[in-house]
Amino acid sequence: MSSLIMAVAARYKKDLGIGTLMAMMLPYSIVFLLGWSLLFFLWVFVFGLPVGPGAATFYNGL
């Protein structure tokens, strides 16, 4: 998949390397991490919904 992204991006910026591509995508990755973490927090701790079938929300010990 990354080679497809590199090929498309290289069409528009000829001197593009893997490091440049990673640097360009890092802000998007951080935003997605924060956004999905916030959604997970809301889902589990605010609404009290389980994360999957049969999955406990809290660990109750041994």
N, C-alpha and C. Protein backbone atom coordinates (compact mmCIF):
# COMPACT_ATOMS: atom_id res chain seq x y z
N MET A 1 0.82 -1.18 0.00
CA MET A 1 0.00 0.00 0.00
C MET A 1 0.87 1.25 0.00
N SER A 2 1.97 1.22 0.74
CA SER A 2 2.81 2.42 0.81
C SER A 2 3.46 2.71 -0.55
N SER A 3 3.72 1.68 -1.34
CA SER A 3 4.30 1.93 -2.66
C SER A 3 3.29 2.64 -3.57
N LEU A 4 2.01 2.34 -3.40
CA LEU A 4 0.98 3.03 -4.17
C LEU A 4 0.92 4.50 -3.76
N ILE A 5 0.98 4.78 -2.48
CA ILE A 5 0.98 6.15 -2.00
C ILE A 5 2.21 6.89 -2.51
N MET A 6 3.36 6.23 -2.47
CA MET A 6 4.59 6.85 -2.97
C MET A 6 4.47 7.15 -4.46
N ALA A 7 3.91 6.23 -5.23
CA ALA A 7 3.80 6.42 -6.68
C ALA A 7 2.89 7.60 -7.00
N VAL A 8 1.77 7.70 -6.32
CA VAL A 8 0.85 8.81 -6.57
C VAL A 8 1.47 10.13 -6.13
N ALA A 9 2.10 10.15 -4.96
CA ALA A 9 2.70 11.39 -4.46
C ALA A 9 3.88 11.83 -5.33
N ALA A 10 4.63 10.88 -5.86
CA ALA A 10 5.79 11.20 -6.69
C ALA A 10 5.36 11.83 -8.02
N ARG A 11 4.15 11.60 -8.46
CA ARG A 11 3.66 12.24 -9.68
C ARG A 11 3.61 13.75 -9.52
N TYR A 12 3.33 14.22 -8.31
CA TYR A 12 3.14 15.64 -8.07
C TYR A 12 4.37 16.32 -7.47
N LYS A 13 5.24 15.56 -6.86
CA LYS A 13 6.47 16.11 -6.28
C LYS A 13 7.59 15.13 -6.62
N LYS A 14 8.41 15.49 -7.59
CA LYS A 14 9.39 14.56 -8.17
C LYS A 14 10.49 14.14 -7.19
N ASP A 15 10.88 15.02 -6.27
CA ASP A 15 11.99 14.70 -5.36
C ASP A 15 11.49 14.11 -4.03
N LEU A 16 10.32 13.51 -4.04
CA LEU A 16 9.73 12.96 -2.83
C LEU A 16 10.41 11.65 -2.45
N GLY A 17 10.77 11.52 -1.16
CA GLY A 17 11.33 10.29 -0.63
C GLY A 17 10.43 9.76 0.48
N ILE A 18 10.78 8.61 1.00
CA ILE A 18 9.96 7.99 2.05
C ILE A 18 9.98 8.84 3.33
N GLY A 19 11.10 9.47 3.62
CA GLY A 19 11.18 10.33 4.81
C GLY A 19 10.30 11.56 4.68
N THR A 20 10.29 12.15 3.50
CA THR A 20 9.43 13.31 3.25
C THR A 20 7.97 12.92 3.36
N LEU A 21 7.62 11.77 2.82
CA LEU A 21 6.24 11.30 2.89
C LEU A 21 5.83 11.05 4.34
N MET A 22 6.71 10.44 5.12
CA MET A 22 6.41 10.19 6.53
C MET A 22 6.25 11.50 7.29
N ALA A 23 7.11 12.47 7.01
CA ALA A 23 7.02 13.77 7.67
C ALA A 23 5.72 14.49 7.31
N MET A 24 5.29 14.33 6.07
CA MET A 24 4.04 14.96 5.64
C MET A 24 2.82 14.31 6.28
N MET A 25 2.88 13.01 6.53
CA MET A 25 1.74 12.28 7.06
C MET A 25 1.68 12.26 8.58
N LEU A 26 2.76 12.65 9.25
CA LEU A 26 2.81 12.60 10.72
C LEU A 26 1.72 13.44 11.39
N PRO A 27 1.47 14.67 10.96
CA PRO A 27 0.37 15.42 11.61
C PRO A 27 -0.99 14.73 11.49
N TYR A 28 -1.26 14.13 10.34
CA TYR A 28 -2.52 13.41 10.17
C TYR A 28 -2.58 12.21 11.11
N SER A 29 -1.47 11.51 11.26
CA SER A 29 -1.43 10.35 12.15
C SER A 29 -1.69 10.75 13.59
N ILE A 30 -1.13 11.87 14.01
CA ILE A 30 -1.32 12.34 15.38
C ILE A 30 -2.77 12.74 15.61
N VAL A 31 -3.37 13.43 14.65
CA VAL A 31 -4.77 13.83 14.77
C VAL A 31 -5.67 12.61 14.84
N PHE A 32 -5.42 11.60 13.99
CA PHE A 32 -6.21 10.38 14.04
C PHE A 32 -6.04 9.66 15.38
N LEU A 33 -4.83 9.59 15.90
CA LEU A 33 -4.60 8.94 17.19
C LEU A 33 -5.37 9.64 18.30
N LEU A 34 -5.29 10.96 18.34
CA LEU A 34 -6.01 11.71 19.38
C LEU A 34 -7.53 11.58 19.20
N GLY A 35 -7.99 11.66 17.97
CA GLY A 35 -9.43 11.55 17.72
C GLY A 35 -10.00 10.20 18.10
N TRP A 36 -9.34 9.12 17.69
CA TRP A 36 -9.84 7.78 18.02
C TRP A 36 -9.70 7.48 19.52
N SER A 37 -8.65 8.03 20.14
CA SER A 37 -8.51 7.86 21.60
C SER A 37 -9.65 8.56 22.33
N LEU A 38 -10.02 9.75 21.86
CA LEU A 38 -11.14 10.46 22.46
C LEU A 38 -12.44 9.70 22.27
N LEU A 39 -12.67 9.18 21.08
CA LEU A 39 -13.88 8.40 20.83
C LEU A 39 -13.92 7.14 21.69
N PHE A 40 -12.77 6.47 21.85
CA PHE A 40 -12.71 5.29 22.71
C PHE A 40 -13.03 5.65 24.15
N PHE A 41 -12.46 6.75 24.64
CA PHE A 41 -12.71 7.18 26.01
C PHE A 41 -14.20 7.47 26.22
N LEU A 42 -14.81 8.18 25.28
CA LEU A 42 -16.24 8.47 25.38
C LEU A 42 -17.07 7.19 25.35
N TRP A 43 -16.73 6.29 24.46
CA TRP A 43 -17.48 5.05 24.28
C TRP A 43 -17.48 4.21 25.55
N VAL A 44 -16.29 4.05 26.15
CA VAL A 44 -16.15 3.14 27.29
C VAL A 44 -16.47 3.82 28.62
N PHE A 45 -15.89 4.98 28.87
CA PHE A 45 -15.98 5.57 30.21
C PHE A 45 -17.13 6.55 30.39
N VAL A 46 -17.60 7.16 29.33
CA VAL A 46 -18.72 8.09 29.46
C VAL A 46 -20.04 7.36 29.26
N PHE A 47 -20.13 6.59 28.16
CA PHE A 47 -21.37 5.89 27.87
C PHE A 47 -21.44 4.50 28.48
N GLY A 48 -20.30 3.96 28.93
CA GLY A 48 -20.28 2.65 29.59
C GLY A 48 -20.55 1.48 28.67
N LEU A 49 -20.30 1.64 27.38
CA LEU A 49 -20.56 0.57 26.42
C LEU A 49 -19.36 -0.38 26.34
N PRO A 50 -19.60 -1.65 26.07
CA PRO A 50 -18.48 -2.59 25.94
C PRO A 50 -17.74 -2.38 24.62
N VAL A 51 -16.48 -2.78 24.58
CA VAL A 51 -15.68 -2.62 23.37
C VAL A 51 -15.86 -3.78 22.40
N GLY A 52 -16.53 -4.82 22.82
CA GLY A 52 -16.76 -5.96 21.95
C GLY A 52 -17.68 -6.95 22.61
N PRO A 53 -18.10 -7.96 21.87
CA PRO A 53 -19.00 -8.97 22.44
C PRO A 53 -18.32 -9.75 23.57
N GLY A 54 -18.90 -9.73 24.73
CA GLY A 54 -18.37 -10.48 25.86
C GLY A 54 -17.14 -9.85 26.51
N ALA A 55 -16.79 -8.65 26.10
CA ALA A 55 -15.60 -7.98 26.66
C ALA A 55 -15.99 -7.15 27.87
N ALA A 56 -15.28 -7.32 28.95
CA ALA A 56 -15.53 -6.53 30.14
C ALA A 56 -14.92 -5.14 29.97
N THR A 57 -15.60 -4.14 30.50
CA THR A 57 -15.09 -2.77 30.40
C THR A 57 -13.96 -2.55 31.41
N PHE A 58 -14.07 -3.12 32.59
CA PHE A 58 -13.06 -2.94 33.61
C PHE A 58 -12.49 -4.30 34.03
N TYR A 59 -11.23 -4.31 34.41
CA TYR A 59 -10.57 -5.52 34.90
C TYR A 59 -10.84 -5.64 36.40
N ASN A 60 -11.43 -6.75 36.82
CA ASN A 60 -11.84 -6.92 38.20
C ASN A 60 -10.84 -7.68 39.06
N GLY A 61 -9.66 -7.95 38.58
CA GLY A 61 -8.67 -8.65 39.37
C GLY A 61 -8.71 -10.16 39.20
N LEU A 62 -7.87 -10.85 39.96
CA LEU A 62 -7.78 -12.32 39.83
C LEU A 62 -8.76 -13.01 40.74
